[in-house]
Amino acid sequence: MNATMRKTTLLFLSFLMLVLASGCVYRADISQGNVFDQEDLDQTKIGMTKSQVRFLLGTPMIDDPFTRDRWDYVYYLKLPREEARQKGWISIFFVDGKVTEIRTDQYLSPEL
């Protein structure tokens, strides 16, 4: 085998290894917003204080200075090589610092 043929073969094998290895790249899960368990949400009840809700669900993702009596928890979970698995938000309404309403049936558009 002459030197030119050896270099060509080595270059081809290097390129082939690079192409094959590119499919093995680690892709991390992407979660944005407030990530919490369904169990924590199930424990959130009417009449709880803001401190109790913050302990269970964390600080709300959206802090609207004009609506202090509404907390919105937005969540988004995308797994590698898949469409987003969960997209949505939960709104909790307060009157005099106590929970009066919990909206959990809100979902973001699939195009987002």
PDB file of N, CA and C in Angstrom:
ATOM      1  N   MET A   1       0.846  -1.170   0.000  1.00  0.00           N
ATOM      2  CA  MET A   1       0.000   0.000   0.000  1.00  0.00           C
ATOM      3  C   MET A   1       0.895   1.238   0.000  1.00  0.00           C
ATOM      4  N   ASN A   2       0.671   2.119  -0.923  1.00  0.00           N
ATOM      5  CA  ASN A   2       1.529   3.292  -1.003  1.00  0.00           C
ATOM      6  C   ASN A   2       1.072   4.360  -0.004  1.00  0.00           C
ATOM      7  N   ALA A   3       1.853   5.391   0.165  1.00  0.00           N
ATOM      8  CA  ALA A   3       1.610   6.426   1.164  1.00  0.00           C
ATOM      9  C   ALA A   3       0.311   7.192   0.901  1.00  0.00           C
ATOM     10  N   THR A   4       0.012   7.484  -0.358  1.00  0.00           N
ATOM     11  CA  THR A   4      -1.213   8.221  -0.701  1.00  0.00           C
ATOM     12  C   THR A   4      -2.449   7.402  -0.350  1.00  0.00           C
ATOM     13  N   MET A   5      -2.415   6.124  -0.650  1.00  0.00           N
ATOM     14  CA  MET A   5      -3.544   5.243  -0.343  1.00  0.00           C
ATOM     15  C   MET A   5      -3.728   5.120   1.172  1.00  0.00           C
ATOM     16  N   ARG A   6      -2.625   5.053   1.908  1.00  0.00           N
ATOM     17  CA  ARG A   6      -2.685   4.951   3.358  1.00  0.00           C
ATOM     18  C   ARG A   6      -3.294   6.219   3.966  1.00  0.00           C
ATOM     19  N   LYS A   7      -2.889   7.392   3.482  1.00  0.00           N
ATOM     20  CA  LYS A   7      -3.434   8.667   3.973  1.00  0.00           C
ATOM     21  C   LYS A   7      -4.921   8.782   3.654  1.00  0.00           C
ATOM     22  N   THR A   8      -5.313   8.370   2.457  1.00  0.00           N
ATOM     23  CA  THR A   8      -6.724   8.416   2.055  1.00  0.00           C
ATOM     24  C   THR A   8      -7.558   7.495   2.941  1.00  0.00           C
ATOM     25  N   THR A   9      -7.066   6.309   3.201  1.00  0.00           N
ATOM     26  CA  THR A   9      -7.779   5.361   4.053  1.00  0.00           C
ATOM     27  C   THR A   9      -7.896   5.900   5.473  1.00  0.00           C
ATOM     28  N   LEU A  10      -6.816   6.449   5.996  1.00  0.00           N
ATOM     29  CA  LEU A  10      -6.826   7.018   7.335  1.00  0.00           C
ATOM     30  C   LEU A  10      -7.801   8.190   7.426  1.00  0.00           C
ATOM     31  N   LEU A  11      -7.811   9.052   6.430  1.00  0.00           N
ATOM     32  CA  LEU A  11      -8.741  10.185   6.391  1.00  0.00           C
ATOM     33  C   LEU A  11     -10.184   9.698   6.328  1.00  0.00           C
ATOM     34  N   PHE A  12     -10.454   8.698   5.512  1.00  0.00           N
ATOM     35  CA  PHE A  12     -11.801   8.154   5.395  1.00  0.00           C
ATOM     36  C   PHE A  12     -12.262   7.536   6.717  1.00  0.00           C
ATOM     37  N   LEU A  13     -11.397   6.758   7.357  1.00  0.00           N
ATOM     38  CA  LEU A  13     -11.745   6.139   8.637  1.00  0.00           C
ATOM     39  C   LEU A  13     -11.958   7.192   9.726  1.00  0.00           C
ATOM     40  N   SER A  14     -11.167   8.232   9.734  1.00  0.00           N
ATOM     41  CA  SER A  14     -11.338   9.324  10.702  1.00  0.00           C
ATOM     42  C   SER A  14     -12.675  10.017  10.491  1.00  0.00           C
ATOM     43  N   PHE A  15     -13.005  10.290   9.244  1.00  0.00           N
ATOM     44  CA  PHE A  15     -14.281  10.925   8.924  1.00  0.00           C
ATOM     45  C   PHE A  15     -15.449  10.025   9.326  1.00  0.00           C
ATOM     46  N   LEU A  16     -15.343   8.729   9.059  1.00  0.00           N
ATOM     47  CA  LEU A  16     -16.387   7.771   9.419  1.00  0.00           C
ATOM     48  C   LEU A  16     -16.580   7.722  10.929  1.00  0.00           C
ATOM     49  N   MET A  17     -15.506   7.701  11.686  1.00  0.00           N
ATOM     50  CA  MET A  17     -15.598   7.686  13.153  1.00  0.00           C
ATOM     51  C   MET A  17     -16.243   8.965  13.675  1.00  0.00           C
ATOM     52  N   LEU A  18     -15.913  10.085  13.067  1.00  0.00           N
ATOM     53  CA  LEU A  18     -16.502  11.356  13.468  1.00  0.00           C
ATOM     54  C   LEU A  18     -18.006  11.362  13.223  1.00  0.00           C
ATOM     55  N   VAL A  19     -18.432  10.860  12.080  1.00  0.00           N
ATOM     56  CA  VAL A  19     -19.863  10.803  11.755  1.00  0.00           C
ATOM     57  C   VAL A  19     -20.591   9.879  12.717  1.00  0.00           C
ATOM     58  N   LEU A  20     -20.015   8.731  13.000  1.00  0.00           N
ATOM     59  CA  LEU A  20     -20.650   7.780  13.921  1.00  0.00           C
ATOM     60  C   LEU A  20     -20.709   8.314  15.352  1.00  0.00           C
ATOM     61  N   ALA A  21     -19.684   9.008  15.773  1.00  0.00           N
ATOM     62  CA  ALA A  21     -19.639   9.544  17.142  1.00  0.00           C
ATOM     63  C   ALA A  21     -20.586  10.719  17.329  1.00  0.00           C
ATOM     64  N   SER A  22     -20.934  11.423  16.268  1.00  0.00           N
ATOM     65  CA  SER A  22     -21.809  12.588  16.408  1.00  0.00           C
ATOM     66  C   SER A  22     -23.214  12.206  16.855  1.00  0.00           C
ATOM     67  N   GLY A  23     -23.623  10.995  16.639  1.00  0.00           N
ATOM     68  CA  GLY A  23     -24.932  10.536  17.092  1.00  0.00           C
ATOM     69  C   GLY A  23     -24.963  10.178  18.564  1.00  0.00           C
ATOM     70  N   CYS A  24     -23.834  10.183  19.225  1.00  0.00           N
ATOM     71  CA  CYS A  24     -23.720   9.782  20.625  1.00  0.00           C
ATOM     72  C   CYS A  24     -23.600  10.977  21.559  1.00  0.00           C
ATOM     73  N   VAL A  25     -24.019  12.136  21.142  1.00  0.00           N
ATOM     74  CA  VAL A  25     -23.903  13.336  21.959  1.00  0.00           C
ATOM     75  C   VAL A  25     -24.976  13.319  23.039  1.00  0.00           C
ATOM     76  N   TYR A  26     -24.588  13.604  24.257  1.00  0.00           N
ATOM     77  CA  TYR A  26     -25.529  13.651  25.376  1.00  0.00           C
ATOM     78  C   TYR A  26     -26.389  14.900  25.271  1.00  0.00           C
ATOM     79  N   ARG A  27     -27.674  14.716  25.427  1.00  0.00           N
ATOM     80  CA  ARG A  27     -28.603  15.848  25.423  1.00  0.00           C
ATOM     81  C   ARG A  27     -29.393  15.808  26.720  1.00  0.00           C
ATOM     82  N   ALA A  28     -29.285  16.860  27.498  1.00  0.00           N
ATOM     83  CA  ALA A  28     -29.916  16.919  28.814  1.00  0.00           C
ATOM     84  C   ALA A  28     -31.390  17.264  28.703  1.00  0.00           C
ATOM     85  N   ASP A  29     -32.167  16.828  29.711  1.00  0.00           N
ATOM     86  CA  ASP A  29     -33.561  17.238  29.816  1.00  0.00           C
ATOM     87  C   ASP A  29     -33.599  18.744  30.055  1.00  0.00           C
ATOM     88  N   ILE A  30     -34.588  19.389  29.481  1.00  0.00           N
ATOM     89  CA  ILE A  30     -34.734  20.828  29.671  1.00  0.00           C
ATOM     90  C   ILE A  30     -36.043  21.065  30.411  1.00  0.00           C
ATOM     91  N   SER A  31     -35.929  21.559  31.622  1.00  0.00           N
ATOM     92  CA  SER A  31     -37.120  21.918  32.373  1.00  0.00           C
ATOM     93  C   SER A  31     -37.002  23.387  32.734  1.00  0.00           C
ATOM     94  N   GLN A  32     -38.048  24.106  32.466  1.00  0.00           N
ATOM     95  CA  GLN A  32     -38.061  25.527  32.747  1.00  0.00           C
ATOM     96  C   GLN A  32     -39.308  25.851  33.532  1.00  0.00           C
ATOM     97  N   GLY A  33     -39.188  26.831  34.374  1.00  0.00           N
ATOM     98  CA  GLY A  33     -40.324  27.229  35.182  1.00  0.00           C
ATOM     99  C   GLY A  33     -40.294  26.530  36.517  1.00  0.00           C
ATOM    100  N   ASN A  34     -41.472  26.381  37.085  1.00  0.00           N
ATOM    101  CA  ASN A  34     -41.607  25.749  38.386  1.00  0.00           C
ATOM    102  C   ASN A  34     -41.850  24.261  38.195  1.00  0.00           C
ATOM    103  N   VAL A  35     -40.917  23.462  38.671  1.00  0.00           N
ATOM    104  CA  VAL A  35     -41.064  22.018  38.587  1.00  0.00           C
ATOM    105  C   VAL A  35     -41.449  21.522  39.973  1.00  0.00           C
ATOM    106  N   PHE A  36     -42.599  20.860  40.061  1.00  0.00           N
ATOM    107  CA  PHE A  36     -43.058  20.329  41.345  1.00  0.00           C
ATOM    108  C   PHE A  36     -43.817  19.038  41.093  1.00  0.00           C
ATOM    109  N   ASP A  37     -43.979  18.269  42.132  1.00  0.00           N
ATOM    110  CA  ASP A  37     -44.678  16.990  42.040  1.00  0.00           C
ATOM    111  C   ASP A  37     -46.183  17.197  42.109  1.00  0.00           C
ATOM    112  N   GLN A  38     -46.918  16.273  41.512  1.00  0.00           N
ATOM    113  CA  GLN A  38     -48.381  16.302  41.590  1.00  0.00           C
ATOM    114  C   GLN A  38     -48.824  16.199  43.044  1.00  0.00           C
ATOM    115  N   GLU A  39     -48.054  15.474  43.828  1.00  0.00           N
ATOM    116  CA  GLU A  39     -48.370  15.313  45.251  1.00  0.00           C
ATOM    117  C   GLU A  39     -48.362  16.664  45.971  1.00  0.00           C
ATOM    118  N   ASP A  40     -47.400  17.517  45.636  1.00  0.00           N
ATOM    119  CA  ASP A  40     -47.339  18.854  46.237  1.00  0.00           C
ATOM    120  C   ASP A  40     -48.543  19.691  45.819  1.00  0.00           C
ATOM    121  N   LEU A  41     -48.922  19.591  44.558  1.00  0.00           N
ATOM    122  CA  LEU A  41     -50.086  20.329  44.079  1.00  0.00           C
ATOM    123  C   LEU A  41     -51.363  19.827  44.747  1.00  0.00           C
ATOM    124  N   ASP A  42     -51.465  18.510  44.940  1.00  0.00           N
ATOM    125  CA  ASP A  42     -52.646  17.939  45.592  1.00  0.00           C
ATOM    126  C   ASP A  42     -52.779  18.402  47.039  1.00  0.00           C
ATOM    127  N   GLN A  43     -51.660  18.748  47.672  1.00  0.00           N
ATOM    128  CA  GLN A  43     -51.696  19.211  49.062  1.00  0.00           C
ATOM    129  C   GLN A  43     -52.102  20.677  49.172  1.00  0.00           C
ATOM    130  N   THR A  44     -52.059  21.390  48.061  1.00  0.00           N
ATOM    131  CA  THR A  44     -52.443  22.805  48.060  1.00  0.00           C
ATOM    132  C   THR A  44     -53.962  22.892  48.130  1.00  0.00           C
ATOM    133  N   LYS A  45     -54.463  23.555  49.158  1.00  0.00           N
ATOM    134  CA  LYS A  45     -55.908  23.600  49.418  1.00  0.00           C
ATOM    135  C   LYS A  45     -56.394  25.040  49.580  1.00  0.00           C
ATOM    136  N   ILE A  46     -57.692  25.211  49.392  1.00  0.00           N
ATOM    137  CA  ILE A  46     -58.353  26.492  49.634  1.00  0.00           C
ATOM    138  C   ILE A  46     -58.176  26.839  51.106  1.00  0.00           C
ATOM    139  N   GLY A  47     -57.854  28.101  51.391  1.00  0.00           N
ATOM    140  CA  GLY A  47     -57.692  28.554  52.767  1.00  0.00           C
ATOM    141  C   GLY A  47     -56.249  28.591  53.238  1.00  0.00           C
ATOM    142  N   MET A  48     -55.325  28.033  52.465  1.00  0.00           N
ATOM    143  CA  MET A  48     -53.904  28.077  52.848  1.00  0.00           C
ATOM    144  C   MET A  48     -53.374  29.499  52.718  1.00  0.00           C
ATOM    145  N   THR A  49     -52.328  29.785  53.467  1.00  0.00           N
ATOM    146  CA  THR A  49     -51.694  31.100  53.384  1.00  0.00           C
ATOM    147  C   THR A  49     -50.671  31.104  52.245  1.00  0.00           C
ATOM    148  N   LYS A  50     -50.207  32.296  51.908  1.00  0.00           N
ATOM    149  CA  LYS A  50     -49.191  32.427  50.853  1.00  0.00           C
ATOM    150  C   LYS A  50     -47.907  31.706  51.255  1.00  0.00           C
ATOM    151  N   SER A  51     -47.554  31.755  52.519  1.00  0.00           N
ATOM    152  CA  SER A  51     -46.338  31.075  52.999  1.00  0.00           C
ATOM    153  C   SER A  51     -46.448  29.565  52.822  1.00  0.00           C
ATOM    154  N   GLN A  52     -47.616  29.010  53.109  1.00  0.00           N
ATOM    155  CA  GLN A  52     -47.813  27.568  52.965  1.00  0.00           C
ATOM    156  C   GLN A  52     -47.722  27.147  51.502  1.00  0.00           C
ATOM    157  N   VAL A  53     -48.303  27.947  50.611  1.00  0.00           N
ATOM    158  CA  VAL A  53     -48.248  27.639  49.182  1.00  0.00           C
ATOM    159  C   VAL A  53     -46.803  27.747  48.685  1.00  0.00           C
ATOM    160  N   ARG A  54     -46.091  28.768  49.126  1.00  0.00           N
ATOM    161  CA  ARG A  54     -44.694  28.934  48.716  1.00  0.00           C
ATOM    162  C   ARG A  54     -43.844  27.769  49.226  1.00  0.00           C
ATOM    163  N   PHE A  55     -44.139  27.250  50.403  1.00  0.00           N
ATOM    164  CA  PHE A  55     -43.406  26.103  50.940  1.00  0.00           C
ATOM    165  C   PHE A  55     -43.623  24.863  50.072  1.00  0.00           C
ATOM    166  N   LEU A  56     -44.868  24.641  49.620  1.00  0.00           N
ATOM    167  CA  LEU A  56     -45.181  23.458  48.811  1.00  0.00           C
ATOM    168  C   LEU A  56     -44.707  23.582  47.365  1.00  0.00           C
ATOM    169  N   LEU A  57     -44.984  24.718  46.730  1.00  0.00           N
ATOM    170  CA  LEU A  57     -44.762  24.858  45.294  1.00  0.00           C
ATOM    171  C   LEU A  57     -43.565  25.730  44.928  1.00  0.00           C
ATOM    172  N   GLY A  58     -43.011  26.441  45.876  1.00  0.00           N
ATOM    173  CA  GLY A  58     -41.902  27.338  45.579  1.00  0.00           C
ATOM    174  C   GLY A  58     -42.399  28.728  45.196  1.00  0.00           C
ATOM    175  N   THR A  59     -41.461  29.580  44.876  1.00  0.00           N
ATOM    176  CA  THR A  59     -41.790  30.943  44.469  1.00  0.00           C
ATOM    177  C   THR A  59     -42.388  30.915  43.068  1.00  0.00           C
ATOM    178  N   PRO A  60     -43.473  31.646  42.838  1.00  0.00           N
ATOM    179  CA  PRO A  60     -44.099  31.608  41.509  1.00  0.00           C
ATOM    180  C   PRO A  60     -43.173  32.145  40.422  1.00  0.00           C
ATOM    181  N   MET A  61     -43.305  31.569  39.243  1.00  0.00           N
ATOM    182  CA  MET A  61     -42.475  31.948  38.104  1.00  0.00           C
ATOM    183  C   MET A  61     -42.769  33.376  37.656  1.00  0.00           C
ATOM    184  N   ILE A  62     -44.031  33.737  37.666  1.00  0.00           N
ATOM    185  CA  ILE A  62     -44.442  35.069  37.209  1.00  0.00           C
ATOM    186  C   ILE A  62     -44.851  35.886  38.424  1.00  0.00           C
ATOM    187  N   ASP A  63     -44.189  36.997  38.627  1.00  0.00           N
ATOM    188  CA  ASP A  63     -44.496  37.898  39.729  1.00  0.00           C
ATOM    189  C   ASP A  63     -45.007  39.198  39.125  1.00  0.00           C
ATOM    190  N   ASP A  64     -46.319  39.300  39.016  1.00  0.00           N
ATOM    191  CA  ASP A  64     -46.948  40.470  38.407  1.00  0.00           C
ATOM    192  C   ASP A  64     -47.150  41.544  39.480  1.00  0.00           C
ATOM    193  N   PRO A  65     -46.479  42.682  39.366  1.00  0.00           N
ATOM    194  CA  PRO A  65     -46.619  43.718  40.389  1.00  0.00           C
ATOM    195  C   PRO A  65     -48.006  44.358  40.417  1.00  0.00           C
ATOM    196  N   PHE A  66     -48.785  44.164  39.365  1.00  0.00           N
ATOM    197  CA  PHE A  66     -50.118  44.759  39.317  1.00  0.00           C
ATOM    198  C   PHE A  66     -51.191  43.816  39.858  1.00  0.00           C
ATOM    199  N   THR A  67     -50.883  42.549  39.988  1.00  0.00           N
ATOM    200  CA  THR A  67     -51.844  41.567  40.492  1.00  0.00           C
ATOM    201  C   THR A  67     -51.176  40.769  41.605  1.00  0.00           C
ATOM    202  N   ARG A  68     -51.141  41.316  42.796  1.00  0.00           N
ATOM    203  CA  ARG A  68     -50.458  40.678  43.922  1.00  0.00           C
ATOM    204  C   ARG A  68     -51.238  39.481  44.468  1.00  0.00           C
ATOM    205  N   ASP A  69     -52.513  39.374  44.132  1.00  0.00           N
ATOM    206  CA  ASP A  69     -53.344  38.288  44.664  1.00  0.00           C
ATOM    207  C   ASP A  69     -53.499  37.136  43.682  1.00  0.00           C
ATOM    208  N   ARG A  70     -52.578  37.018  42.734  1.00  0.00           N
ATOM    209  CA  ARG A  70     -52.584  35.901  41.788  1.00  0.00           C
ATOM    210  C   ARG A  70     -51.143  35.460  41.565  1.00  0.00           C
ATOM    211  N   TRP A  71     -50.900  34.177  41.754  1.00  0.00           N
ATOM    212  CA  TRP A  71     -49.592  33.600  41.486  1.00  0.00           C
ATOM    213  C   TRP A  71     -49.723  32.626  40.336  1.00  0.00           C
ATOM    214  N   ASP A  72     -48.819  32.731  39.373  1.00  0.00           N
ATOM    215  CA  ASP A  72     -48.820  31.837  38.218  1.00  0.00           C
ATOM    216  C   ASP A  72     -47.545  31.001  38.222  1.00  0.00           C
ATOM    217  N   TYR A  73     -47.739  29.699  38.175  1.00  0.00           N
ATOM    218  CA  TYR A  73     -46.635  28.748  38.108  1.00  0.00           C
ATOM    219  C   TYR A  73     -46.618  28.166  36.697  1.00  0.00           C
ATOM    220  N   VAL A  74     -45.618  28.541  35.921  1.00  0.00           N
ATOM    221  CA  VAL A  74     -45.499  28.084  34.535  1.00  0.00           C
ATOM    222  C   VAL A  74     -44.469  26.970  34.495  1.00  0.00           C
ATOM    223  N   TYR A  75     -44.772  25.913  33.727  1.00  0.00           N
ATOM    224  CA  TYR A  75     -43.813  24.820  33.620  1.00  0.00           C
ATOM    225  C   TYR A  75     -43.718  24.328  32.190  1.00  0.00           C
ATOM    226  N   TYR A  76     -42.539  23.767  31.884  1.00  0.00           N
ATOM    227  CA  TYR A  76     -42.232  23.287  30.538  1.00  0.00           C
ATOM    228  C   TYR A  76     -41.160  22.227  30.698  1.00  0.00           C
ATOM    229  N   LEU A  77     -41.415  21.043  30.195  1.00  0.00           N
ATOM    230  CA  LEU A  77     -40.440  19.956  30.278  1.00  0.00           C
ATOM    231  C   LEU A  77     -40.247  19.368  28.899  1.00  0.00           C
ATOM    232  N   LYS A  78     -39.000  19.333  28.444  1.00  0.00           N
ATOM    233  CA  LYS A  78     -38.666  18.757  27.138  1.00  0.00           C
ATOM    234  C   LYS A  78     -37.566  17.740  27.332  1.00  0.00           C
ATOM    235  N   LEU A  79     -37.808  16.537  26.831  1.00  0.00           N
ATOM    236  CA  LEU A  79     -36.819  15.475  26.893  1.00  0.00           C
ATOM    237  C   LEU A  79     -36.044  15.438  25.587  1.00  0.00           C
ATOM    238  N   PRO A  80     -34.808  14.973  25.617  1.00  0.00           N
ATOM    239  CA  PRO A  80     -34.001  14.950  24.392  1.00  0.00           C
ATOM    240  C   PRO A  80     -34.661  14.153  23.276  1.00  0.00           C
ATOM    241  N   ARG A  81     -34.576  14.683  22.088  1.00  0.00           N
ATOM    242  CA  ARG A  81     -35.082  14.027  20.876  1.00  0.00           C
ATOM    243  C   ARG A  81     -36.584  13.753  20.924  1.00  0.00           C
ATOM    244  N   GLU A  82     -37.322  14.493  21.738  1.00  0.00           N
ATOM    245  CA  GLU A  82     -38.778  14.343  21.823  1.00  0.00           C
ATOM    246  C   GLU A  82     -39.418  15.721  21.823  1.00  0.00           C
ATOM    247  N   GLU A  83     -40.704  15.728  21.583  1.00  0.00           N
ATOM    248  CA  GLU A  83     -41.458  16.965  21.720  1.00  0.00           C
ATOM    249  C   GLU A  83     -41.592  17.280  23.212  1.00  0.00           C
ATOM    250  N   ALA A  84     -41.998  18.484  23.526  1.00  0.00           N
ATOM    251  CA  ALA A  84     -42.189  18.851  24.924  1.00  0.00           C
ATOM    252  C   ALA A  84     -43.236  17.933  25.540  1.00  0.00           C
ATOM    253  N   ARG A  85     -42.917  17.396  26.688  1.00  0.00           N
ATOM    254  CA  ARG A  85     -43.818  16.456  27.346  1.00  0.00           C
ATOM    255  C   ARG A  85     -44.902  17.188  28.139  1.00  0.00           C
ATOM    256  N   GLN A  86     -44.524  18.242  28.830  1.00  0.00           N
ATOM    257  CA  GLN A  86     -45.482  18.992  29.634  1.00  0.00           C
ATOM    258  C   GLN A  86     -45.314  20.476  29.364  1.00  0.00           C
ATOM    259  N   LYS A  87     -46.428  21.130  29.143  1.00  0.00           N
ATOM    260  CA  LYS A  87     -46.445  22.582  28.996  1.00  0.00           C
ATOM    261  C   LYS A  87     -47.724  23.066  29.650  1.00  0.00           C
ATOM    262  N   GLY A  88     -47.621  24.000  30.510  1.00  0.00           N
ATOM    263  CA  GLY A  88     -48.843  24.512  31.106  1.00  0.00           C
ATOM    264  C   GLY A  88     -48.564  25.493  32.217  1.00  0.00           C
ATOM    265  N   TRP A  89     -49.603  25.836  32.919  1.00  0.00           N
ATOM    266  CA  TRP A  89     -49.438  26.702  34.069  1.00  0.00           C
ATOM    267  C   TRP A  89     -50.564  26.487  35.054  1.00  0.00           C
ATOM    268  N   ILE A  90     -50.278  26.864  36.273  1.00  0.00           N
ATOM    269  CA  ILE A  90     -51.221  26.762  37.379  1.00  0.00           C
ATOM    270  C   ILE A  90     -51.361  28.156  37.957  1.00  0.00           C
ATOM    271  N   SER A  91     -52.582  28.584  38.177  1.00  0.00           N
ATOM    272  CA  SER A  91     -52.837  29.895  38.771  1.00  0.00           C
ATOM    273  C   SER A  91     -53.479  29.706  40.132  1.00  0.00           C
ATOM    274  N   ILE A  92     -52.979  30.437  41.112  1.00  0.00           N
ATOM    275  CA  ILE A  92     -53.531  30.393  42.464  1.00  0.00           C
ATOM    276  C   ILE A  92     -53.939  31.806  42.831  1.00  0.00           C
ATOM    277  N   PHE A  93     -55.187  31.949  43.250  1.00  0.00           N
ATOM    278  CA  PHE A  93     -55.756  33.256  43.575  1.00  0.00           C
ATOM    279  C   PHE A  93     -55.908  33.381  45.088  1.00  0.00           C
ATOM    280  N   PHE A  94     -55.617  34.577  45.598  1.00  0.00           N
ATOM    281  CA  PHE A  94     -55.684  34.848  47.031  1.00  0.00           C
ATOM    282  C   PHE A  94     -56.634  35.999  47.310  1.00  0.00           C
ATOM    283  N   VAL A  95     -57.293  35.945  48.458  1.00  0.00           N
ATOM    284  CA  VAL A  95     -58.052  37.071  48.997  1.00  0.00           C
ATOM    285  C   VAL A  95     -57.658  37.163  50.465  1.00  0.00           C
ATOM    286  N   ASP A  96     -57.197  38.316  50.863  1.00  0.00           N
ATOM    287  CA  ASP A  96     -56.710  38.545  52.227  1.00  0.00           C
ATOM    288  C   ASP A  96     -55.622  37.546  52.620  1.00  0.00           C
ATOM    289  N   GLY A  97     -54.747  37.205  51.662  1.00  0.00           N
ATOM    290  CA  GLY A  97     -53.621  36.333  51.948  1.00  0.00           C
ATOM    291  C   GLY A  97     -53.942  34.857  52.031  1.00  0.00           C
ATOM    292  N   LYS A  98     -55.171  34.460  51.702  1.00  0.00           N
ATOM    293  CA  LYS A  98     -55.575  33.047  51.759  1.00  0.00           C
ATOM    294  C   LYS A  98     -56.011  32.582  50.364  1.00  0.00           C
ATOM    295  N   VAL A  99     -55.729  31.322  50.051  1.00  0.00           N
ATOM    296  CA  VAL A  99     -56.086  30.757  48.744  1.00  0.00           C
ATOM    297  C   VAL A  99     -57.604  30.686  48.617  1.00  0.00           C
ATOM    298  N   THR A 100     -58.128  31.227  47.506  1.00  0.00           N
ATOM    299  CA  THR A 100     -59.563  31.152  47.234  1.00  0.00           C
ATOM    300  C   THR A 100     -59.880  30.323  45.994  1.00  0.00           C
ATOM    301  N   GLU A 101     -58.901  30.181  45.097  1.00  0.00           N
ATOM    302  CA  GLU A 101     -59.134  29.420  43.866  1.00  0.00           C
ATOM    303  C   GLU A 101     -57.807  28.871  43.351  1.00  0.00           C
ATOM    304  N   ILE A 102     -57.860  27.637  42.830  1.00  0.00           N
ATOM    305  CA  ILE A 102     -56.682  26.997  42.235  1.00  0.00           C
ATOM    306  C   ILE A 102     -57.093  26.518  40.852  1.00  0.00           C
ATOM    307  N   ARG A 103     -56.464  27.061  39.812  1.00  0.00           N
ATOM    308  CA  ARG A 103     -56.753  26.647  38.429  1.00  0.00           C
ATOM    309  C   ARG A 103     -55.598  25.780  37.929  1.00  0.00           C
ATOM    310  N   THR A 104     -55.887  24.530  37.648  1.00  0.00           N
ATOM    311  CA  THR A 104     -54.844  23.605  37.189  1.00  0.00           C
ATOM    312  C   THR A 104     -55.072  23.126  35.762  1.00  0.00           C
ATOM    313  N   ASP A 105     -56.178  23.471  35.166  1.00  0.00           N
ATOM    314  CA  ASP A 105     -56.536  22.944  33.845  1.00  0.00           C
ATOM    315  C   ASP A 105     -56.135  23.887  32.707  1.00  0.00           C
ATOM    316  N   GLN A 106     -55.020  24.573  32.857  1.00  0.00           N
ATOM    317  CA  GLN A 106     -54.557  25.517  31.842  1.00  0.00           C
ATOM    318  C   GLN A 106     -53.324  24.928  31.161  1.00  0.00           C
ATOM    319  N   TYR A 107     -53.333  24.924  29.844  1.00  0.00           N
ATOM    320  CA  TYR A 107     -52.209  24.353  29.093  1.00  0.00           C
ATOM    321  C   TYR A 107     -51.760  25.333  28.036  1.00  0.00           C
ATOM    322  N   LEU A 108     -50.468  25.356  27.793  1.00  0.00           N
ATOM    323  CA  LEU A 108     -49.908  26.211  26.763  1.00  0.00           C
ATOM    324  C   LEU A 108     -50.157  25.589  25.389  1.00  0.00           C
ATOM    325  N   SER A 109     -50.152  26.420  24.385  1.00  0.00           N
ATOM    326  CA  SER A 109     -50.339  25.953  23.014  1.00  0.00           C
ATOM    327  C   SER A 109     -49.203  25.010  22.627  1.00  0.00           C
ATOM    328  N   PRO A 110     -49.489  23.915  21.912  1.00  0.00           N
ATOM    329  CA  PRO A 110     -48.440  22.984  21.505  1.00  0.00           C
ATOM    330  C   PRO A 110     -47.372  23.623  20.616  1.00  0.00           C
ATOM    331  N   GLU A 111     -47.695  24.720  19.939  1.00  0.00           N
ATOM    332  CA  GLU A 111     -46.735  25.367  19.058  1.00  0.00           C
ATOM    333  C   GLU A 111     -45.653  26.111  19.838  1.00  0.00           C
ATOM    334  N   LEU A 112     -45.864  26.364  21.119  1.00  0.00           N
ATOM    335  CA  LEU A 112     -44.874  27.112  21.915  1.00  0.00           C
ATOM    336  C   LEU A 112     -43.723  26.231  22.312  1.00  0.00           C
TER     337      LEU A 112
END
